[in-house]
Amino acid sequence: MNFNATGLKRNKSRVLLAMCVILTMGLTAACSGGNAGSNEPSAKPQETGGASNDSGKGAEPEPLTLTWMRYEHPNQALPEDATIIKEIARLTNVTISLQSVPQSNYEDKKKTLIATNNAPDIMLVKQDDLSNFADSGIFLDLTPYLDRMPNFSKVLEEKPEINKNKIDGKLYGFPLVQKLAASQSGQVPVIRVDLLEKHNLEVPATYEELYEVLKALKSEYPSSYPFASRAANGLSGTENLINPIAFGFGSGYTNVNGAKVYYDPHAGEYRFGPFSEAFKEAIAYLRKLYENNLLDPDYTTATSQIWQEKLSSGQSFYYQDNTGFGVNFNKALQEKDPDARFDLLPMLEGGDGNGVKRGELYQLDHLSESYAISADVKDPERVVEFMDWLYSDEGVKLTSWGIESEHYTMENGEFKINDAFFSKFLDAPNPYLAKDSELGTGYLGLSLHNDATYDLNSQPELMQEWTRKNIQAVEDGLAFRMPYDPSFTQEEREELKKLRTKLDAYLTQTMDKFIMTKNGLDEWDSFLEQCRSNGAERIVEIYNAALARAK
């Protein structure tokens, strides 16, 4: 059975169809679905956004309701009555019962549901969740259903990196794919350049110069904490703080899933950051920021919302996180001060003038995030066919752009947003995210295969400029996109679970001590020994063995 919107809404029952065929021509003409002079019934058009009905293949399916859980990004609310949820129900007879969880609470909520075997029908998970829990049987193995998913199978051919999500050759999640990415963001330096100009401060080119600039800003604004950080994307505040600084110094800390290994793009292998001198320098640098009240002391607990409030209200002036947030910060700041402006810095040179200049950018796709289906879901065949429809042209357009003619039009094959519809969002901090919030569209909405083609030119000018700079940094060898994990064997997964439990617990209780405590770094050698005894070297071995198989 081919699953598409028009195939979901069936025509009249087979019984009625048979009656129409044997009735007279005149009566046949009066039967809906009949066609005078022919034994073949014609389809009565359904209101399915312009698609024709796939008639004669069975009765209309029973309505299906699916519980669907994902995090709600602080930049884009996701209401339960989003426009496309209603349209999806009309087209497919599938109702999405949305469980939208604040991003700051999502990891805890997700892990609790998995641990108690109470997963919703559809749940957004990370690559690490698939690796850790697929063997438990909580997620539906999608592999036997691939022949029922022509649209997703096509995506799988176009994006072979999806295969890294397979567990022992089996696929357990529908990944979030970008048909075309509208922007390139990453964890690169962003600062209030208007304050540099106002106080005659040189644009910093190294982390040491950045320290001096932040110290000068602290002197000008004593109640401020110039450098703000947050917990985000499933990583703790400590992990999210250390990652970009350690990488910028020439080392690293965690991967995108929080495992305490990082991929070194120059060496072409995974490494354990604390074993390098550059990592110790990065931690010493953060200690210096903390000691001098330049780093927000709430970095361990600050949520995305708190972090945004500080940067958009003038309490903090620097961040090394998702560059795209700066556009919103600028709009909020400029309501009070038209000259206020965040802007990207060039990649900063690492500690002790070692010549290292590099930053990490996000992947253009989001393949490390997938929607997993509960193994207990009702009617799994129909569910996977529904998910496949979301990768179809019809599903992609709806979940990326909304309803044609109502929210957008196609002119000469080109997307054009409806001005009358879009005008009501113009006063929002980010009109495009506000639009996506109401509709439920986009990567932060319900799209599995997001087409952001139109966003290339409709993004704010500053976002376009930053995208160009970030892409140029990749081309110049100064920025690197965060890689996805390789696929592990069952034995490796079991061993990693045990090793990571020990090592993660130790690092969690140790790293903040180094940053917050005077003379804490005096214990560095014993710290490294504990890391070795807790399996750090073995974790690196497993990652590199898996990486070698993937090459």
Protein backbone atom coordinates (compact mmCIF):
# COMPACT_ATOMS: atom_id res chain seq x y z
CA MET A 1 0.00 0.00 0.00
CA ASN A 2 1.49 3.33 -1.03
CA PHE A 3 0.95 5.86 1.70
CA ASN A 4 0.20 9.40 0.62
CA ALA A 5 -2.31 12.04 1.54
CA THR A 6 -4.63 11.17 -1.31
CA GLY A 7 -4.31 7.46 -0.63
CA LEU A 8 -5.44 7.98 2.93
CA LYS A 9 -8.81 9.52 2.06
CA ARG A 10 -10.59 6.64 0.33
CA ASN A 11 -13.63 6.96 -1.88
CA LYS A 12 -16.95 5.26 -1.23
CA SER A 13 -16.98 1.70 -0.03
CA ARG A 14 -16.56 -1.26 -2.35
CA VAL A 15 -20.20 -2.17 -1.82
CA LEU A 16 -21.44 1.18 -3.04
CA LEU A 17 -19.00 1.02 -5.93
CA ALA A 18 -20.31 -2.37 -7.05
CA MET A 19 -23.88 -1.11 -6.92
CA CYS A 20 -22.98 1.83 -9.12
CA VAL A 21 -21.39 -0.40 -11.75
CA ILE A 22 -24.50 -2.56 -12.23
CA LEU A 23 -27.07 0.23 -12.21
CA THR A 24 -28.38 1.88 -15.33
CA MET A 25 -26.55 4.66 -17.09
CA GLY A 26 -28.92 7.25 -15.70
CA LEU A 27 -28.68 5.94 -12.18
CA THR A 28 -24.95 5.52 -12.51
CA ALA A 29 -24.64 9.17 -13.39
CA ALA A 30 -26.39 9.99 -10.13
CA CYS A 31 -24.02 7.83 -8.07
CA SER A 32 -21.08 9.70 -6.65
CA GLY A 33 -17.98 7.96 -7.94
CA GLY A 34 -19.78 6.53 -11.00
CA ASN A 35 -18.72 7.22 -14.59
CA ALA A 36 -21.25 6.85 -17.37
CA GLY A 37 -20.23 4.47 -20.14
CA SER A 38 -17.36 2.93 -18.18
CA ASN A 39 -16.87 0.10 -15.71
CA GLU A 40 -14.07 2.10 -14.04
CA PRO A 41 -15.13 4.43 -11.25
CA SER A 42 -13.82 7.99 -11.35
CA ALA A 43 -12.48 9.55 -8.19
CA LYS A 44 -14.40 12.31 -6.54
CA PRO A 45 -11.83 14.98 -5.82
CA GLN A 46 -11.10 15.38 -2.15
CA GLU A 47 -10.01 18.64 -0.61
CA THR A 48 -6.40 17.58 -0.19
CA GLY A 49 -4.46 20.63 -1.18
CA GLY A 50 -4.82 19.94 -4.88
CA ALA A 51 -3.96 16.21 -4.83
CA SER A 52 -6.23 13.70 -6.52
CA ASN A 53 -7.82 10.89 -4.56
CA ASP A 54 -6.45 7.36 -4.91
CA SER A 55 -9.84 5.67 -5.20
CA GLY A 56 -10.91 2.07 -5.28
CA LYS A 57 -8.15 0.68 -3.04
CA GLY A 58 -10.08 0.17 0.16
CA ALA A 59 -12.25 1.91 2.69
CA GLU A 60 -11.24 5.14 4.30
CA PRO A 61 -8.91 4.27 7.20
CA GLU A 62 -10.02 4.77 10.74
CA PRO A 63 -8.83 8.01 12.35
CA LEU A 64 -5.46 7.54 14.03
CA THR A 65 -4.10 9.65 16.88
CA LEU A 66 -0.38 9.66 17.61
CA THR A 67 1.29 11.15 20.67
CA TRP A 68 4.26 13.13 19.39
CA MET A 69 6.94 14.57 21.70
CA ARG A 70 9.74 16.97 20.89
CA TYR A 71 11.48 19.84 22.62
CA GLU A 72 10.27 23.40 22.23
CA HIS A 73 13.14 25.66 21.27
CA PRO A 74 13.24 28.99 23.15
CA ASN A 75 13.24 30.82 19.81
CA GLN A 76 10.18 29.05 18.42
CA ALA A 77 7.15 28.08 20.45
CA LEU A 78 5.30 25.00 19.24
CA PRO A 79 1.58 25.23 20.10
CA GLU A 80 -0.58 22.13 20.31
CA ASP A 81 -3.02 23.64 17.80
CA ALA A 82 -0.41 24.65 15.23
CA THR A 83 -1.94 25.23 11.80
CA ILE A 84 -0.34 22.30 10.02
CA ILE A 85 -1.42 19.83 12.70
CA LYS A 86 -5.00 20.51 11.62
CA GLU A 87 -4.07 20.30 7.95
CA ILE A 88 -2.18 17.03 8.43
CA ALA A 89 -5.28 15.56 10.09
CA ARG A 90 -7.46 16.72 7.18
CA LEU A 91 -5.13 15.27 4.57
CA THR A 92 -4.15 12.02 6.23
CA ASN A 93 -6.75 11.23 8.91
CA VAL A 94 -3.84 11.15 11.37
CA THR A 95 -4.10 13.47 14.37
CA ILE A 96 -0.91 14.52 16.11
CA SER A 97 -1.34 14.92 19.86
CA LEU A 98 1.62 17.17 20.47
CA GLN A 99 3.65 17.05 23.67
CA SER A 100 5.90 20.09 23.46
CA VAL A 101 8.49 20.12 26.26
CA PRO A 102 10.72 23.14 27.04
CA GLN A 103 14.20 22.46 25.71
CA SER A 104 15.75 23.02 29.14
CA ASN A 105 13.72 20.10 30.59
CA TYR A 106 13.62 17.84 27.56
CA GLU A 107 16.57 15.55 28.28
CA ASP A 108 15.33 14.70 31.77
CA LYS A 109 11.78 14.12 30.53
CA LYS A 110 12.92 11.95 27.65
CA LYS A 111 15.23 9.79 29.76
CA THR A 112 12.56 9.28 32.41
CA LEU A 113 10.02 8.09 29.82
CA ILE A 114 12.56 5.74 28.24
CA ALA A 115 13.67 4.35 31.61
CA THR A 116 10.08 3.68 32.69
CA ASN A 117 9.04 2.28 29.29
CA ASN A 118 6.45 5.02 28.87
CA ALA A 119 7.62 6.48 25.59
CA PRO A 120 5.04 8.33 23.46
CA ASP A 121 4.21 6.97 20.02
CA ILE A 122 6.75 9.30 18.38
CA MET A 123 9.63 10.94 20.23
CA LEU A 124 12.56 13.11 19.18
CA VAL A 125 15.79 11.44 20.27
CA LYS A 126 19.50 11.87 19.70
CA GLN A 127 21.90 9.50 18.01
CA ASP A 128 23.19 8.60 21.44
CA ASP A 129 19.71 7.52 22.60
CA LEU A 130 19.40 5.13 19.68
CA SER A 131 22.80 3.66 20.47
CA ASN A 132 22.06 3.33 24.18
CA PHE A 133 18.49 2.03 24.10
CA ALA A 134 17.84 0.28 20.77
CA ASP A 135 18.87 -3.07 22.27
CA SER A 136 16.21 -2.68 24.97
CA GLY A 137 13.43 -3.08 22.39
CA ILE A 138 11.73 0.20 23.27
CA PHE A 139 12.07 1.58 19.72
CA LEU A 140 10.49 0.12 16.59
CA ASP A 141 12.97 -1.41 14.14
CA LEU A 142 12.17 0.40 10.88
CA THR A 143 14.26 -1.84 8.64
CA PRO A 144 11.48 -4.35 7.78
CA TYR A 145 9.27 -1.48 6.62
CA LEU A 146 11.70 0.22 4.24
CA ASP A 147 9.88 -1.15 1.18
CA ARG A 148 6.80 0.77 2.36
CA MET A 149 8.73 4.03 2.56
CA PRO A 150 9.72 5.12 -0.98
CA ASN A 151 10.14 8.77 -0.03
CA PHE A 152 12.38 8.09 2.94
CA SER A 153 14.32 5.46 0.97
CA LYS A 154 15.14 8.14 -1.58
CA VAL A 155 16.42 10.43 1.17
CA LEU A 156 18.49 7.55 2.54
CA GLU A 157 20.19 7.20 -0.83
CA GLU A 158 20.85 10.93 -1.04
CA LYS A 159 22.16 11.18 2.54
CA PRO A 160 24.35 8.11 3.16
CA GLU A 161 25.52 9.60 6.47
CA ILE A 162 22.15 8.49 7.86
CA ASN A 163 23.64 4.98 7.89
CA LYS A 164 25.80 6.07 10.82
CA ASN A 165 22.58 5.99 12.86
CA LYS A 166 22.12 2.28 12.19
CA ILE A 167 22.49 -0.15 15.08
CA ASP A 168 23.85 -3.51 13.91
CA GLY A 169 22.60 -2.65 10.44
CA LYS A 170 19.12 -1.74 11.68
CA LEU A 171 17.50 1.68 11.57
CA TYR A 172 15.48 2.90 14.55
CA GLY A 173 14.79 6.54 13.76
CA PHE A 174 13.62 8.99 11.10
CA PRO A 175 16.36 11.67 11.00
CA LEU A 176 15.79 15.39 10.61
CA VAL A 177 17.04 16.31 7.15
CA GLN A 178 17.59 19.69 5.56
CA LYS A 179 16.54 19.76 1.92
CA LEU A 180 18.38 23.06 1.79
CA ALA A 181 19.85 24.87 4.77
CA ALA A 182 19.11 28.56 5.07
CA SER A 183 21.90 29.48 7.45
CA GLN A 184 25.21 28.29 8.84
CA SER A 185 25.63 28.82 12.56
CA GLY A 186 28.12 27.57 15.06
CA GLN A 187 29.93 28.13 18.33
CA VAL A 188 32.18 30.96 17.24
CA PRO A 189 32.99 34.25 19.07
CA VAL A 190 30.29 36.97 19.12
CA ILE A 191 30.71 40.29 20.95
CA ARG A 192 29.07 43.69 21.43
CA VAL A 193 31.13 45.60 18.86
CA ASP A 194 29.36 48.88 19.69
CA LEU A 195 30.90 48.74 23.18
CA LEU A 196 34.33 48.15 21.71
CA GLU A 197 33.91 51.31 19.66
CA LYS A 198 32.40 53.30 22.53
CA HIS A 199 35.29 52.52 24.90
CA ASN A 200 38.08 52.58 22.29
CA LEU A 201 38.87 48.90 22.70
CA GLU A 202 40.73 47.00 19.99
CA VAL A 203 38.95 44.09 18.36
CA PRO A 204 40.56 41.05 20.01
CA ALA A 205 42.46 38.61 17.82
CA THR A 206 43.47 36.13 20.54
CA TYR A 207 41.82 34.68 23.61
CA GLU A 208 44.27 36.59 25.78
CA GLU A 209 43.24 39.84 24.11
CA LEU A 210 39.62 38.85 24.62
CA TYR A 211 40.34 38.47 28.34
CA GLU A 212 41.70 42.03 28.46
CA VAL A 213 38.66 43.37 26.58
CA LEU A 214 36.22 41.59 28.91
CA LYS A 215 38.12 42.92 31.91
CA ALA A 216 37.86 46.46 30.52
CA LEU A 217 34.11 46.03 29.96
CA LYS A 218 33.70 44.74 33.50
CA SER A 219 35.42 47.91 34.73
CA GLU A 220 32.98 50.05 32.73
CA TYR A 221 29.93 48.01 33.82
CA PRO A 222 30.71 46.61 37.30
CA SER A 223 27.39 44.81 37.75
CA SER A 224 27.80 42.87 34.50
CA TYR A 225 29.19 39.42 33.80
CA PRO A 226 30.61 39.99 30.31
CA PHE A 227 30.78 36.31 29.20
CA ALA A 228 27.46 34.42 29.33
CA SER A 229 26.98 30.69 28.74
CA ARG A 230 24.12 28.18 29.10
CA ALA A 231 23.06 24.56 29.13
CA ALA A 232 21.64 23.59 25.74
CA ASN A 233 21.11 20.85 23.16
CA GLY A 234 21.29 18.06 25.70
CA LEU A 235 24.62 19.25 27.07
CA SER A 236 25.17 20.56 30.58
CA GLY A 237 26.16 24.16 31.15
CA THR A 238 29.71 23.04 31.93
CA GLU A 239 29.99 20.98 28.75
CA ASN A 240 28.54 23.75 26.61
CA LEU A 241 30.98 26.24 28.12
CA ILE A 242 34.10 24.13 27.75
CA ASN A 243 33.46 22.73 24.26
CA PRO A 244 34.08 25.83 22.09
CA ILE A 245 36.89 27.19 24.27
CA ALA A 246 38.77 23.88 24.39
CA PHE A 247 38.37 23.44 20.64
CA GLY A 248 39.54 27.00 20.04
CA PHE A 249 42.67 26.31 22.09
CA GLY A 250 43.47 23.26 19.94
CA SER A 251 41.82 20.46 21.92
CA GLY A 252 38.18 19.55 22.65
CA TYR A 253 35.87 18.06 25.24
CA THR A 254 32.66 16.29 24.16
CA ASN A 255 31.02 15.20 20.94
CA VAL A 256 27.51 16.33 19.97
CA ASN A 257 26.02 13.54 22.10
CA GLY A 258 27.93 14.44 25.25
CA ALA A 259 30.43 11.57 25.14
CA LYS A 260 33.76 12.75 26.55
CA VAL A 261 35.67 12.40 23.31
CA TYR A 262 36.03 14.86 20.46
CA TYR A 263 36.95 14.45 16.81
CA ASP A 264 40.15 16.24 15.86
CA PRO A 265 39.82 17.32 12.22
CA HIS A 266 43.56 17.72 11.71
CA ALA A 267 44.48 14.32 13.13
CA GLY A 268 41.42 12.60 11.63
CA GLU A 269 40.73 10.69 14.83
CA TYR A 270 38.92 10.86 18.16
CA ARG A 271 40.80 12.06 21.21
CA PHE A 272 40.27 12.60 24.91
CA GLY A 273 40.71 16.32 25.47
CA PRO A 274 42.14 16.44 29.00
CA PHE A 275 45.15 14.40 27.90
CA SER A 276 46.40 17.41 25.89
CA GLU A 277 48.21 20.43 27.31
CA ALA A 278 45.96 22.67 25.21
CA PHE A 279 42.93 21.47 27.17
CA LYS A 280 44.56 22.35 30.48
CA GLU A 281 45.31 25.82 29.09
CA ALA A 282 41.67 26.23 28.11
CA ILE A 283 40.49 25.29 31.62
CA ALA A 284 43.06 27.65 33.15
CA TYR A 285 41.69 30.38 30.91
CA LEU A 286 38.13 29.75 32.08
CA ARG A 287 39.38 29.74 35.65
CA LYS A 288 40.88 33.19 35.09
CA LEU A 289 37.60 34.48 33.66
CA TYR A 290 35.64 33.07 36.60
CA GLU A 291 38.09 34.36 39.21
CA ASN A 292 37.85 37.88 37.84
CA ASN A 293 34.04 37.86 37.63
CA LEU A 294 34.11 37.97 33.84
CA LEU A 295 32.27 34.65 33.42
CA ASP A 296 28.65 34.40 34.52
CA PRO A 297 28.81 32.28 37.72
CA ASP A 298 25.44 30.75 36.79
CA TYR A 299 26.90 29.03 33.73
CA THR A 300 26.20 25.59 35.22
CA THR A 301 22.47 26.21 35.64
CA ALA A 302 21.56 28.96 33.17
CA THR A 303 18.81 27.86 30.81
CA SER A 304 18.54 29.17 27.27
CA GLN A 305 15.88 31.64 28.39
CA ILE A 306 18.03 33.07 31.20
CA TRP A 307 21.03 33.25 28.89
CA GLN A 308 19.03 35.11 26.24
CA GLU A 309 17.69 37.58 28.78
CA LYS A 310 21.19 38.50 29.92
CA LEU A 311 22.56 39.03 26.43
CA SER A 312 19.51 40.87 25.11
CA SER A 313 19.27 43.23 28.09
CA GLY A 314 22.87 44.42 28.38
CA GLN A 315 23.87 42.28 31.37
CA SER A 316 26.40 40.33 29.28
CA PHE A 317 28.39 41.22 26.16
CA TYR A 318 30.03 38.08 24.79
CA TYR A 319 29.03 34.53 23.96
CA GLN A 320 30.51 31.59 22.09
CA ASP A 321 27.42 29.69 21.16
CA ASN A 322 24.88 29.55 18.33
CA THR A 323 25.72 32.66 16.32
CA GLY A 324 22.16 33.07 15.05
CA PHE A 325 20.86 34.25 18.41
CA GLY A 326 22.70 37.53 17.96
CA VAL A 327 20.12 38.74 15.44
CA ASN A 328 17.41 38.55 18.12
CA PHE A 329 19.68 40.10 20.74
CA ASN A 330 20.33 43.05 18.45
CA LYS A 331 16.66 43.68 17.81
CA ALA A 332 15.88 43.67 21.55
CA LEU A 333 18.86 45.87 22.45
CA GLN A 334 18.21 48.39 19.67
CA GLU A 335 14.76 49.18 21.03
CA LYS A 336 16.59 51.09 23.77
CA ASP A 337 19.91 51.82 22.09
CA PRO A 338 19.90 51.99 18.27
CA ASP A 339 23.71 51.64 18.22
CA ALA A 340 23.82 48.37 20.19
CA ARG A 341 25.13 45.57 18.03
CA PHE A 342 26.50 42.07 18.39
CA ASP A 343 28.78 40.90 15.59
CA LEU A 344 31.06 37.98 14.84
CA LEU A 345 34.72 38.12 15.71
CA PRO A 346 37.33 36.45 13.53
CA MET A 347 38.46 33.08 14.88
CA LEU A 348 40.57 33.78 17.95
CA GLU A 349 44.08 32.42 18.39
CA GLY A 350 44.44 29.94 21.25
CA GLY A 351 46.55 30.13 24.37
CA ASP A 352 50.22 31.06 24.58
CA GLY A 353 50.35 32.21 20.97
CA ASN A 354 50.31 28.60 19.71
CA GLY A 355 48.97 29.65 16.32
CA VAL A 356 45.77 27.61 16.62
CA LYS A 357 42.71 29.36 15.21
CA ARG A 358 39.60 27.29 14.82
CA GLY A 359 35.93 27.06 15.69
CA GLU A 360 33.13 24.52 15.49
CA LEU A 361 30.02 24.92 13.35
CA TYR A 362 26.80 22.95 13.31
CA GLN A 363 26.07 20.48 10.56
CA LEU A 364 23.77 21.75 7.83
CA ASP A 365 21.63 18.66 8.40
CA HIS A 366 20.43 17.53 11.82
CA LEU A 367 20.98 13.82 11.31
CA SER A 368 22.02 13.33 14.93
CA GLU A 369 18.37 13.98 15.85
CA SER A 370 15.70 11.47 14.85
CA TYR A 371 12.09 10.64 15.56
CA ALA A 372 11.92 7.16 17.08
CA ILE A 373 8.68 5.17 17.04
CA SER A 374 7.57 3.27 20.12
CA ALA A 375 7.73 -0.48 19.62
CA ASP A 376 4.26 -0.61 21.20
CA VAL A 377 2.68 1.78 18.71
CA LYS A 378 -0.71 0.82 17.31
CA ASP A 379 -0.68 -0.15 13.59
CA PRO A 380 3.07 0.27 12.95
CA GLU A 381 2.69 -0.20 9.20
CA ARG A 382 0.38 2.77 8.92
CA VAL A 383 2.57 4.86 11.23
CA VAL A 384 5.74 4.32 9.18
CA GLU A 385 3.80 5.06 5.98
CA PHE A 386 2.59 8.28 7.57
CA MET A 387 6.14 9.21 8.52
CA ASP A 388 7.22 8.43 4.97
CA TRP A 389 4.59 10.84 3.67
CA LEU A 390 6.25 13.60 5.68
CA TYR A 391 9.32 13.10 3.45
CA SER A 392 7.21 13.33 0.26
CA ASP A 393 6.99 16.49 -1.85
CA GLU A 394 3.53 17.19 -0.44
CA GLY A 395 4.65 16.57 3.14
CA VAL A 396 7.84 18.61 2.73
CA LYS A 397 5.98 21.64 1.36
CA LEU A 398 3.33 21.54 4.07
CA THR A 399 5.75 21.13 6.98
CA SER A 400 8.25 23.63 5.54
CA TRP A 401 6.03 26.38 4.14
CA GLY A 402 2.42 25.85 5.26
CA ILE A 403 -0.65 25.67 3.04
CA GLU A 404 -0.30 26.73 -0.58
CA SER A 405 -2.30 29.84 -1.58
CA GLU A 406 -3.00 30.58 2.07
CA HIS A 407 0.56 31.01 3.32
CA TYR A 408 2.61 30.92 0.11
CA THR A 409 2.32 30.70 -3.65
CA MET A 410 4.50 29.20 -6.35
CA GLU A 411 5.38 31.61 -9.15
CA ASN A 412 7.36 30.19 -12.07
CA GLY A 413 8.46 27.35 -9.84
CA GLU A 414 9.69 29.71 -7.14
CA PHE A 415 8.38 29.95 -3.59
CA LYS A 416 6.85 33.29 -2.56
CA ILE A 417 5.52 33.94 0.91
CA ASN A 418 2.12 35.65 1.02
CA ASP A 419 2.70 39.23 2.11
CA ALA A 420 -0.76 39.59 3.68
CA PHE A 421 -0.16 36.54 5.86
CA PHE A 422 3.42 37.46 6.75
CA SER A 423 2.67 41.09 7.62
CA LYS A 424 1.24 40.20 11.04
CA PHE A 425 4.65 38.88 12.17
CA LEU A 426 6.76 41.87 11.15
CA ASP A 427 6.94 43.29 14.68
CA ALA A 428 8.21 40.03 16.18
CA PRO A 429 11.92 39.79 17.13
CA ASN A 430 12.33 37.23 14.35
CA PRO A 431 9.32 37.30 11.98
CA TYR A 432 10.30 34.06 10.28
CA LEU A 433 10.47 32.08 13.50
CA ALA A 434 7.21 33.68 14.66
CA LYS A 435 5.58 32.55 11.41
CA ASP A 436 6.97 29.03 11.82
CA SER A 437 5.71 28.97 15.41
CA GLU A 438 2.10 29.66 14.42
CA LEU A 439 2.23 27.22 11.53
CA GLY A 440 4.29 24.51 13.26
CA THR A 441 6.67 24.46 10.30
CA GLY A 442 10.43 24.19 9.96
CA TYR A 443 13.18 22.20 11.62
CA LEU A 444 12.06 23.46 15.04
CA GLY A 445 8.48 22.54 14.18
CA LEU A 446 7.16 19.29 12.72
CA SER A 447 9.30 19.07 9.59
CA LEU A 448 11.34 15.92 9.04
CA HIS A 449 12.69 17.05 5.66
CA ASN A 450 12.86 20.81 5.93
CA ASP A 451 13.07 22.92 2.79
CA ALA A 452 14.40 26.34 3.76
CA THR A 453 14.97 27.43 0.16
CA TYR A 454 13.07 30.66 0.57
CA ASP A 455 14.97 31.52 3.75
CA LEU A 456 18.18 32.05 1.82
CA ASN A 457 17.00 35.49 0.79
CA SER A 458 14.36 36.14 3.41
CA GLN A 459 16.64 35.77 6.42
CA PRO A 460 17.63 39.04 8.09
CA GLU A 461 20.54 40.66 6.28
CA LEU A 462 22.84 40.20 9.27
CA MET A 463 22.08 36.47 9.39
CA GLN A 464 22.97 36.20 5.71
CA GLU A 465 26.22 38.03 6.36
CA TRP A 466 27.12 35.73 9.25
CA THR A 467 26.26 32.67 7.18
CA ARG A 468 28.65 33.84 4.47
CA LYS A 469 31.40 34.44 7.04
CA ASN A 470 30.94 31.04 8.65
CA ILE A 471 30.98 29.24 5.31
CA GLN A 472 34.08 31.19 4.34
CA ALA A 473 35.72 30.07 7.59
CA VAL A 474 35.05 26.46 6.60
CA GLU A 475 36.62 27.06 3.19
CA ASP A 476 39.61 28.73 4.84
CA GLY A 477 40.16 25.79 7.19
CA LEU A 478 39.31 27.86 10.27
CA ALA A 479 35.97 26.25 11.08
CA PHE A 480 34.84 22.64 11.11
CA ARG A 481 31.39 21.12 11.21
CA MET A 482 30.68 18.85 14.15
CA PRO A 483 30.77 15.22 12.95
CA TYR A 484 28.26 12.48 13.64
CA ASP A 485 29.29 9.43 15.61
CA PRO A 486 30.24 6.24 13.74
CA SER A 487 28.14 3.11 14.23
CA PHE A 488 29.10 0.77 17.08
CA THR A 489 28.73 -2.98 17.50
CA GLN A 490 26.53 -4.35 20.27
CA GLU A 491 29.60 -5.29 22.31
CA GLU A 492 31.01 -1.77 21.89
CA ARG A 493 27.72 -0.18 22.87
CA GLU A 494 27.52 -2.23 26.05
CA GLU A 495 31.10 -1.42 26.96
CA LEU A 496 30.63 2.29 26.22
CA LYS A 497 27.60 2.45 28.50
CA LYS A 498 29.59 1.11 31.44
CA LEU A 499 32.69 3.19 30.75
CA ARG A 500 30.80 6.41 30.12
CA THR A 501 28.77 6.03 33.29
CA LYS A 502 31.97 5.97 35.34
CA LEU A 503 33.89 8.62 33.42
CA ASP A 504 30.99 11.04 33.02
CA ALA A 505 30.20 10.94 36.72
CA TYR A 506 33.82 11.67 37.58
CA LEU A 507 34.19 14.52 35.10
CA THR A 508 30.87 16.07 36.14
CA GLN A 509 32.05 16.45 39.72
CA THR A 510 35.55 17.55 38.73
CA MET A 511 35.48 20.07 35.89
CA ASP A 512 33.59 22.80 37.77
CA LYS A 513 36.04 22.46 40.64
CA PHE A 514 38.88 23.36 38.29
CA ILE A 515 37.02 26.40 37.00
CA MET A 516 35.64 27.64 40.31
CA THR A 517 38.29 26.71 42.85
CA LYS A 518 41.56 28.50 43.53
CA ASN A 519 44.57 26.22 43.02
CA GLY A 520 42.28 23.46 41.76
CA LEU A 521 44.56 22.85 38.79
CA ASP A 522 47.31 21.77 41.18
CA GLU A 523 45.56 18.39 41.21
CA TRP A 524 45.72 17.99 37.44
CA ASP A 525 48.12 15.01 37.35
CA SER A 526 46.03 12.97 39.76
CA PHE A 527 42.95 13.99 37.76
CA LEU A 528 44.46 12.49 34.60
CA GLU A 529 45.26 9.27 36.41
CA GLN A 530 41.66 9.01 37.54
CA CYS A 531 40.49 9.59 33.96
CA ARG A 532 42.68 6.71 32.81
CA SER A 533 41.42 4.42 35.56
CA ASN A 534 37.85 5.34 34.62
CA GLY A 535 38.30 4.18 31.05
CA ALA A 536 39.12 7.32 29.03
CA GLU A 537 41.73 5.58 26.88
CA ARG A 538 39.45 2.63 26.15
CA ILE A 539 36.59 4.92 25.08
CA VAL A 540 38.90 6.59 22.58
CA GLU A 541 39.97 3.17 21.27
CA ILE A 542 36.35 2.12 20.72
CA TYR A 543 35.48 5.33 18.90
CA ASN A 544 38.48 5.12 16.59
CA ALA A 545 37.86 1.44 15.85
CA ALA A 546 34.29 2.28 14.85
CA LEU A 547 35.53 5.23 12.81
CA ALA A 548 38.00 3.01 10.95
CA ARG A 549 35.18 0.66 9.93
CA ALA A 550 33.15 3.59 8.61
CA LYS A 551 35.91 4.87 6.32
